[in-house]
Amino acid sequence: MPMPGKGMLLTSMDVDPADETDFNRWYDREHLAERVAIEGFIEARRYVAHDAKPKYLSLYSTETFDVLDSPAYRTALGAQTEWSKANIARFHNMIRSVARITISRGQGRAAALGMVRIRPSAGQADTLRARLHDLLDPQTLDGVISMHLIEGDPELSRPLGVANADMAGAGDWFAFIDGTGIDAVAHAIAGRFDKALADTSSRIIASGTYRLMWDLGKRDL
């Protein structure tokens, strides 16, 4: 099946090496389960960079986009544990995107992920989305099993409680390539979107590859 749900929360950050043990323990023992337990959340996935920045990436799928501005989610944000507050205060170079899943083609999840961060030009969203739909087709790419697009909401994507967060691209889009290996997703990324972006005066802000650490679904709780 394609990516589940209609909404996605993307968070990505660096942490100082001295804090990584506690950061990873918090994510693995508390934070992912806490978020997946929220009404309307479906699953979460954690990644670590192979060749990308920031180092850590998490993707949370929701049944609808509105879940990401729901009372249940707002309540969870306002009831952070002390462990959560301590770790969130350690984030550097944070990216937070509250987004709609607008394209999802293929099936399944894979061990490797390619991510391309796109800044669409004003007034070109419909044209760019149509061009990307044609490009996000895994059928002709060996080792690529699914491809997706999420479109960030510039108001809801404001990072919460992180002083040095990246706000320049709160409305950026992210293309994802799920593949069975790093080489496959890197090959799929290379030059794939250049013409579509040039034709719509849009641009790539960053791209990179990640390895799946683990995932957690509502059924696992």
C-alpha atoms as a PDB file:
ATOM      1  CA  MET A   1       0.000   0.000   0.000  1.00  0.00           C
ATOM      2  CA  PRO A   2       1.123   3.628  -0.383  1.00  0.00           C
ATOM      3  CA  MET A   3       2.035   5.719   2.639  1.00  0.00           C
ATOM      4  CA  PRO A   4      -0.853   5.441   5.129  1.00  0.00           C
ATOM      5  CA  GLY A   5      -3.025   8.401   6.043  1.00  0.00           C
ATOM      6  CA  LYS A   6      -3.311  11.909   4.702  1.00  0.00           C
ATOM      7  CA  GLY A   7      -1.156  13.885   7.140  1.00  0.00           C
ATOM      8  CA  MET A   8       2.477  13.757   8.179  1.00  0.00           C
ATOM      9  CA  LEU A   9       4.630  15.352  10.839  1.00  0.00           C
ATOM     10  CA  LEU A  10       8.310  15.492   9.878  1.00  0.00           C
ATOM     11  CA  THR A  11      10.951  16.373  12.458  1.00  0.00           C
ATOM     12  CA  SER A  12      14.687  16.412  11.905  1.00  0.00           C
ATOM     13  CA  MET A  13      17.494  17.614  14.121  1.00  0.00           C
ATOM     14  CA  ASP A  14      21.081  17.350  15.277  1.00  0.00           C
ATOM     15  CA  VAL A  15      22.185  16.838  18.867  1.00  0.00           C
ATOM     16  CA  ASP A  16      25.603  17.162  20.441  1.00  0.00           C
ATOM     17  CA  PRO A  17      27.515  13.850  20.595  1.00  0.00           C
ATOM     18  CA  ALA A  18      27.577  14.053  24.396  1.00  0.00           C
ATOM     19  CA  ASP A  19      23.755  14.034  24.455  1.00  0.00           C
ATOM     20  CA  GLU A  20      23.104  11.325  21.856  1.00  0.00           C
ATOM     21  CA  THR A  21      22.844   8.374  24.237  1.00  0.00           C
ATOM     22  CA  ASP A  22      20.080  10.005  26.270  1.00  0.00           C
ATOM     23  CA  PHE A  23      18.454  11.439  23.126  1.00  0.00           C
ATOM     24  CA  ASN A  24      18.204   8.023  21.468  1.00  0.00           C
ATOM     25  CA  ARG A  25      17.053   6.358  24.661  1.00  0.00           C
ATOM     26  CA  TRP A  26      14.300   8.972  25.025  1.00  0.00           C
ATOM     27  CA  TYR A  27      13.153   8.544  21.426  1.00  0.00           C
ATOM     28  CA  ASP A  28      13.212   4.753  21.646  1.00  0.00           C
ATOM     29  CA  ARG A  29      11.703   4.306  25.121  1.00  0.00           C
ATOM     30  CA  GLU A  30       9.244   7.171  25.400  1.00  0.00           C
ATOM     31  CA  HIS A  31       8.759   9.644  22.585  1.00  0.00           C
ATOM     32  CA  LEU A  32       7.766   7.517  19.590  1.00  0.00           C
ATOM     33  CA  ALA A  33       5.243   5.479  21.576  1.00  0.00           C
ATOM     34  CA  GLU A  34       3.858   8.619  23.180  1.00  0.00           C
ATOM     35  CA  ARG A  35       3.199  10.211  19.792  1.00  0.00           C
ATOM     36  CA  VAL A  36       1.805   7.099  18.098  1.00  0.00           C
ATOM     37  CA  ALA A  37      -0.645   6.724  20.999  1.00  0.00           C
ATOM     38  CA  ILE A  38      -2.295  10.077  20.158  1.00  0.00           C
ATOM     39  CA  GLU A  39      -5.746   9.733  18.618  1.00  0.00           C
ATOM     40  CA  GLY A  40      -5.454   9.853  14.835  1.00  0.00           C
ATOM     41  CA  PHE A  41      -1.752   8.957  14.648  1.00  0.00           C
ATOM     42  CA  ILE A  42      -1.051   5.777  12.656  1.00  0.00           C
ATOM     43  CA  GLU A  43       2.671   5.083  12.797  1.00  0.00           C
ATOM     44  CA  ALA A  44       6.128   6.586  13.259  1.00  0.00           C
ATOM     45  CA  ARG A  45       9.488   5.875  11.674  1.00  0.00           C
ATOM     46  CA  ARG A  46      12.974   6.867  12.872  1.00  0.00           C
ATOM     47  CA  TYR A  47      15.950   7.359  10.558  1.00  0.00           C
ATOM     48  CA  VAL A  48      19.627   8.201  10.916  1.00  0.00           C
ATOM     49  CA  ALA A  49      21.591   9.921   8.161  1.00  0.00           C
ATOM     50  CA  HIS A  50      23.779   7.977   5.781  1.00  0.00           C
ATOM     51  CA  ASP A  51      24.635  11.097   3.786  1.00  0.00           C
ATOM     52  CA  ALA A  52      22.337  13.918   4.898  1.00  0.00           C
ATOM     53  CA  LYS A  53      21.837  16.764   7.331  1.00  0.00           C
ATOM     54  CA  PRO A  54      20.419  17.000   9.966  1.00  0.00           C
ATOM     55  CA  LYS A  55      21.503  13.624  11.345  1.00  0.00           C
ATOM     56  CA  TYR A  56      18.173  12.378  12.742  1.00  0.00           C
ATOM     57  CA  LEU A  57      14.801  12.219  10.995  1.00  0.00           C
ATOM     58  CA  SER A  58      11.382  11.080  12.202  1.00  0.00           C
ATOM     59  CA  LEU A  59       8.171  10.704  10.177  1.00  0.00           C
ATOM     60  CA  TYR A  60       4.748  10.416  11.836  1.00  0.00           C
ATOM     61  CA  SER A  61       1.738   9.473   9.696  1.00  0.00           C
ATOM     62  CA  THR A  62      -1.778  10.574  10.677  1.00  0.00           C
ATOM     63  CA  GLU A  63      -5.228   9.568   9.484  1.00  0.00           C
ATOM     64  CA  THR A  64      -6.025  13.098   8.310  1.00  0.00           C
ATOM     65  CA  PHE A  65      -4.126  16.364   8.092  1.00  0.00           C
ATOM     66  CA  ASP A  66      -6.480  17.884  10.694  1.00  0.00           C
ATOM     67  CA  VAL A  67      -5.151  15.481  13.346  1.00  0.00           C
ATOM     68  CA  LEU A  68      -1.999  17.640  13.414  1.00  0.00           C
ATOM     69  CA  ASP A  69      -4.022  20.597  14.701  1.00  0.00           C
ATOM     70  CA  SER A  70      -6.467  18.594  16.820  1.00  0.00           C
ATOM     71  CA  PRO A  71      -7.236  18.993  20.533  1.00  0.00           C
ATOM     72  CA  ALA A  72      -5.642  15.587  21.216  1.00  0.00           C
ATOM     73  CA  TYR A  73      -2.372  16.627  19.584  1.00  0.00           C
ATOM     74  CA  ARG A  74      -2.412  20.070  21.209  1.00  0.00           C
ATOM     75  CA  THR A  75      -2.956  18.440  24.596  1.00  0.00           C
ATOM     76  CA  ALA A  76       0.022  16.154  24.036  1.00  0.00           C
ATOM     77  CA  LEU A  77       2.211  19.105  23.059  1.00  0.00           C
ATOM     78  CA  GLY A  78       1.207  20.915  26.225  1.00  0.00           C
ATOM     79  CA  ALA A  79       1.930  17.946  28.485  1.00  0.00           C
ATOM     80  CA  GLN A  80       5.561  17.187  27.681  1.00  0.00           C
ATOM     81  CA  THR A  81       7.401  15.090  30.260  1.00  0.00           C
ATOM     82  CA  GLU A  82      10.507  16.466  31.938  1.00  0.00           C
ATOM     83  CA  TRP A  83      12.550  13.988  29.910  1.00  0.00           C
ATOM     84  CA  SER A  84      10.998  15.375  26.741  1.00  0.00           C
ATOM     85  CA  LYS A  85      11.654  18.982  27.725  1.00  0.00           C
ATOM     86  CA  ALA A  86      15.293  18.225  28.479  1.00  0.00           C
ATOM     87  CA  ASN A  87      15.888  16.561  25.127  1.00  0.00           C
ATOM     88  CA  ILE A  88      13.936  19.077  23.035  1.00  0.00           C
ATOM     89  CA  ALA A  89      16.070  21.848  24.544  1.00  0.00           C
ATOM     90  CA  ARG A  90      19.147  20.078  23.131  1.00  0.00           C
ATOM     91  CA  PHE A  91      17.999  20.091  19.493  1.00  0.00           C
ATOM     92  CA  HIS A  92      20.101  21.917  16.912  1.00  0.00           C
ATOM     93  CA  ASN A  93      19.281  22.744  13.282  1.00  0.00           C
ATOM     94  CA  MET A  94      15.723  21.564  13.746  1.00  0.00           C
ATOM     95  CA  ILE A  95      13.281  21.170  10.870  1.00  0.00           C
ATOM     96  CA  ARG A  96       9.595  20.666  11.637  1.00  0.00           C
ATOM     97  CA  SER A  97       7.023  20.211   8.887  1.00  0.00           C
ATOM     98  CA  VAL A  98       3.314  19.691   9.452  1.00  0.00           C
ATOM     99  CA  ALA A  99       2.305  18.476   6.029  1.00  0.00           C
ATOM    100  CA  ARG A 100      -0.264  16.991   3.727  1.00  0.00           C
ATOM    101  CA  ILE A 101       0.564  13.771   1.886  1.00  0.00           C
ATOM    102  CA  THR A 102      -0.340  14.730  -1.675  1.00  0.00           C
ATOM    103  CA  ILE A 103       1.359  11.987  -3.720  1.00  0.00           C
ATOM    104  CA  SER A 104       2.039   8.390  -2.686  1.00  0.00           C
ATOM    105  CA  ARG A 105       2.845   5.728  -5.272  1.00  0.00           C
ATOM    106  CA  GLY A 106       4.082   2.162  -4.927  1.00  0.00           C
ATOM    107  CA  GLN A 107       3.815  -0.057  -1.894  1.00  0.00           C
ATOM    108  CA  GLY A 108       5.566  -0.775   1.356  1.00  0.00           C
ATOM    109  CA  ARG A 109       8.401   0.737   3.368  1.00  0.00           C
ATOM    110  CA  ALA A 110      12.076   0.080   2.877  1.00  0.00           C
ATOM    111  CA  ALA A 111      15.370   0.155   4.752  1.00  0.00           C
ATOM    112  CA  ALA A 112      16.726   3.151   2.836  1.00  0.00           C
ATOM    113  CA  LEU A 113      15.143   6.555   2.327  1.00  0.00           C
ATOM    114  CA  GLY A 114      16.049   9.364  -0.027  1.00  0.00           C
ATOM    115  CA  MET A 115      14.726  12.790   0.883  1.00  0.00           C
ATOM    116  CA  VAL A 116      14.653  15.897  -1.308  1.00  0.00           C
ATOM    117  CA  ARG A 117      13.610  19.208   0.221  1.00  0.00           C
ATOM    118  CA  ILE A 118      11.933  21.454  -2.356  1.00  0.00           C
ATOM    119  CA  ARG A 119      11.005  25.131  -2.163  1.00  0.00           C
ATOM    120  CA  PRO A 120       8.164  25.708  -4.646  1.00  0.00           C
ATOM    121  CA  SER A 121       7.891  29.021  -6.435  1.00  0.00           C
ATOM    122  CA  ALA A 122       4.846  31.155  -5.631  1.00  0.00           C
ATOM    123  CA  GLY A 123       1.943  30.447  -7.956  1.00  0.00           C
ATOM    124  CA  GLN A 124       3.498  27.263  -9.337  1.00  0.00           C
ATOM    125  CA  ALA A 125       2.157  24.677  -6.879  1.00  0.00           C
ATOM    126  CA  ASP A 126      -0.351  22.992  -9.189  1.00  0.00           C
ATOM    127  CA  THR A 127       2.048  22.784 -12.111  1.00  0.00           C
ATOM    128  CA  LEU A 128       4.906  21.517  -9.955  1.00  0.00           C
ATOM    129  CA  ARG A 129       2.705  18.916  -8.255  1.00  0.00           C
ATOM    130  CA  ALA A 130       1.582  17.549 -11.622  1.00  0.00           C
ATOM    131  CA  ARG A 131       5.173  17.320 -12.823  1.00  0.00           C
ATOM    132  CA  LEU A 132       6.274  15.586  -9.637  1.00  0.00           C
ATOM    133  CA  HIS A 133       3.436  13.072  -9.868  1.00  0.00           C
ATOM    134  CA  ASP A 134       4.893  11.805 -13.125  1.00  0.00           C
ATOM    135  CA  LEU A 135       8.404  11.659 -11.650  1.00  0.00           C
ATOM    136  CA  LEU A 136       7.405   9.915  -8.410  1.00  0.00           C
ATOM    137  CA  ASP A 137       6.758   6.586 -10.114  1.00  0.00           C
ATOM    138  CA  PRO A 138       8.775   3.652  -8.718  1.00  0.00           C
ATOM    139  CA  GLN A 139       7.803   1.173 -11.413  1.00  0.00           C
ATOM    140  CA  THR A 140      10.819   1.774 -13.664  1.00  0.00           C
ATOM    141  CA  LEU A 141      13.436   2.072 -10.912  1.00  0.00           C
ATOM    142  CA  ASP A 142      15.146  -1.077  -9.660  1.00  0.00           C
ATOM    143  CA  GLY A 143      15.375  -1.188  -5.889  1.00  0.00           C
ATOM    144  CA  VAL A 144      12.799   1.585  -5.400  1.00  0.00           C
ATOM    145  CA  ILE A 145       9.492   0.423  -3.959  1.00  0.00           C
ATOM    146  CA  SER A 146       7.552   3.612  -3.226  1.00  0.00           C
ATOM    147  CA  MET A 147       7.776   7.375  -3.748  1.00  0.00           C
ATOM    148  CA  HIS A 148       5.899  10.166  -2.016  1.00  0.00           C
ATOM    149  CA  LEU A 149       5.393  13.917  -1.701  1.00  0.00           C
ATOM    150  CA  ILE A 150       4.401  15.905   1.375  1.00  0.00           C
ATOM    151  CA  GLU A 151       3.596  19.629   1.329  1.00  0.00           C
ATOM    152  CA  GLY A 152       4.304  21.633   4.464  1.00  0.00           C
ATOM    153  CA  ASP A 153       1.801  24.028   5.984  1.00  0.00           C
ATOM    154  CA  PRO A 154       3.677  27.283   6.733  1.00  0.00           C
ATOM    155  CA  GLU A 155       1.575  28.187   9.781  1.00  0.00           C
ATOM    156  CA  LEU A 156       1.429  24.838  11.560  1.00  0.00           C
ATOM    157  CA  SER A 157       5.059  23.968  10.815  1.00  0.00           C
ATOM    158  CA  ARG A 158       6.493  26.442  13.290  1.00  0.00           C
ATOM    159  CA  PRO A 159       8.894  24.544  15.607  1.00  0.00           C
ATOM    160  CA  LEU A 160       7.726  24.517  19.203  1.00  0.00           C
ATOM    161  CA  GLY A 161      10.098  25.353  22.029  1.00  0.00           C
ATOM    162  CA  VAL A 162      13.267  25.280  19.897  1.00  0.00           C
ATOM    163  CA  ALA A 163      15.081  28.607  19.786  1.00  0.00           C
ATOM    164  CA  ASN A 164      17.364  27.909  16.818  1.00  0.00           C
ATOM    165  CA  ALA A 165      14.929  26.091  14.557  1.00  0.00           C
ATOM    166  CA  ASP A 166      14.906  26.493  10.775  1.00  0.00           C
ATOM    167  CA  MET A 167      11.926  28.739   9.931  1.00  0.00           C
ATOM    168  CA  ALA A 168      13.012  29.848   6.465  1.00  0.00           C
ATOM    169  CA  GLY A 169      11.209  27.016   4.707  1.00  0.00           C
ATOM    170  CA  ALA A 170       8.171  26.243   6.856  1.00  0.00           C
ATOM    171  CA  GLY A 171       6.135  25.738   3.668  1.00  0.00           C
ATOM    172  CA  ASP A 172       8.688  23.559   1.888  1.00  0.00           C
ATOM    173  CA  TRP A 173       7.804  20.275   0.226  1.00  0.00           C
ATOM    174  CA  PHE A 174       9.615  16.969   0.736  1.00  0.00           C
ATOM    175  CA  ALA A 175       9.909  14.156  -1.791  1.00  0.00           C
ATOM    176  CA  PHE A 176      10.662  10.696  -0.375  1.00  0.00           C
ATOM    177  CA  ILE A 177      12.128   7.691  -2.164  1.00  0.00           C
ATOM    178  CA  ASP A 178      11.815   4.362  -0.292  1.00  0.00           C
ATOM    179  CA  GLY A 179      14.295   1.800  -1.535  1.00  0.00           C
ATOM    180  CA  THR A 180      15.966  -1.462  -0.636  1.00  0.00           C
ATOM    181  CA  GLY A 181      19.430   0.090  -0.504  1.00  0.00           C
ATOM    182  CA  ILE A 182      21.222   3.417  -0.303  1.00  0.00           C
ATOM    183  CA  ASP A 183      22.644   3.122  -3.822  1.00  0.00           C
ATOM    184  CA  ALA A 184      19.165   2.645  -5.301  1.00  0.00           C
ATOM    185  CA  VAL A 185      17.686   5.743  -3.673  1.00  0.00           C
ATOM    186  CA  ALA A 186      20.758   7.869  -4.375  1.00  0.00           C
ATOM    187  CA  HIS A 187      20.556   6.885  -8.049  1.00  0.00           C
ATOM    188  CA  ALA A 188      16.841   7.746  -8.121  1.00  0.00           C
ATOM    189  CA  ILE A 189      17.470  11.199  -6.639  1.00  0.00           C
ATOM    190  CA  ALA A 190      20.338  12.195  -8.909  1.00  0.00           C
ATOM    191  CA  GLY A 191      19.084  14.830 -11.358  1.00  0.00           C
ATOM    192  CA  ARG A 192      15.549  13.447 -11.271  1.00  0.00           C
ATOM    193  CA  PHE A 193      13.749  16.667 -10.363  1.00  0.00           C
ATOM    194  CA  ASP A 194      16.029  19.237 -11.996  1.00  0.00           C
ATOM    195  CA  LYS A 195      13.967  20.021 -15.091  1.00  0.00           C
ATOM    196  CA  ALA A 196      10.609  20.090 -13.300  1.00  0.00           C
ATOM    197  CA  LEU A 197      11.989  22.508 -10.748  1.00  0.00           C
ATOM    198  CA  ALA A 198      13.703  24.714 -13.321  1.00  0.00           C
ATOM    199  CA  ASP A 199      10.533  24.892 -15.415  1.00  0.00           C
ATOM    200  CA  THR A 200       8.545  26.119 -12.398  1.00  0.00           C
ATOM    201  CA  SER A 201      11.268  28.404 -10.955  1.00  0.00           C
ATOM    202  CA  SER A 202      11.397  26.151  -7.874  1.00  0.00           C
ATOM    203  CA  ARG A 203      14.553  24.822  -6.261  1.00  0.00           C
ATOM    204  CA  ILE A 204      16.086  22.062  -4.200  1.00  0.00           C
ATOM    205  CA  ILE A 205      17.128  23.206  -0.735  1.00  0.00           C
ATOM    206  CA  ALA A 206      18.763  19.953   0.337  1.00  0.00           C
ATOM    207  CA  SER A 207      18.810  16.257  -0.431  1.00  0.00           C
ATOM    208  CA  GLY A 208      20.269  13.202   1.219  1.00  0.00           C
ATOM    209  CA  THR A 209      19.931   9.572   2.188  1.00  0.00           C
ATOM    210  CA  TYR A 210      18.886   7.946   5.457  1.00  0.00           C
ATOM    211  CA  ARG A 211      18.799   4.474   6.991  1.00  0.00           C
ATOM    212  CA  LEU A 212      15.710   3.234   8.833  1.00  0.00           C
ATOM    213  CA  MET A 213      16.369   2.706  12.542  1.00  0.00           C
ATOM    214  CA  TRP A 214      12.934   1.310  13.438  1.00  0.00           C
ATOM    215  CA  ASP A 215       9.225   1.912  13.081  1.00  0.00           C
ATOM    216  CA  LEU A 216       6.243   1.717  15.392  1.00  0.00           C
ATOM    217  CA  GLY A 217       2.566   1.328  14.472  1.00  0.00           C
ATOM    218  CA  LYS A 218      -0.572   1.794  16.510  1.00  0.00           C
ATOM    219  CA  ARG A 219      -1.020  -1.990  16.406  1.00  0.00           C
ATOM    220  CA  ASP A 220       2.305  -2.394  18.248  1.00  0.00           C
ATOM    221  CA  LEU A 221       1.242  -0.464  21.354  1.00  0.00           C
END
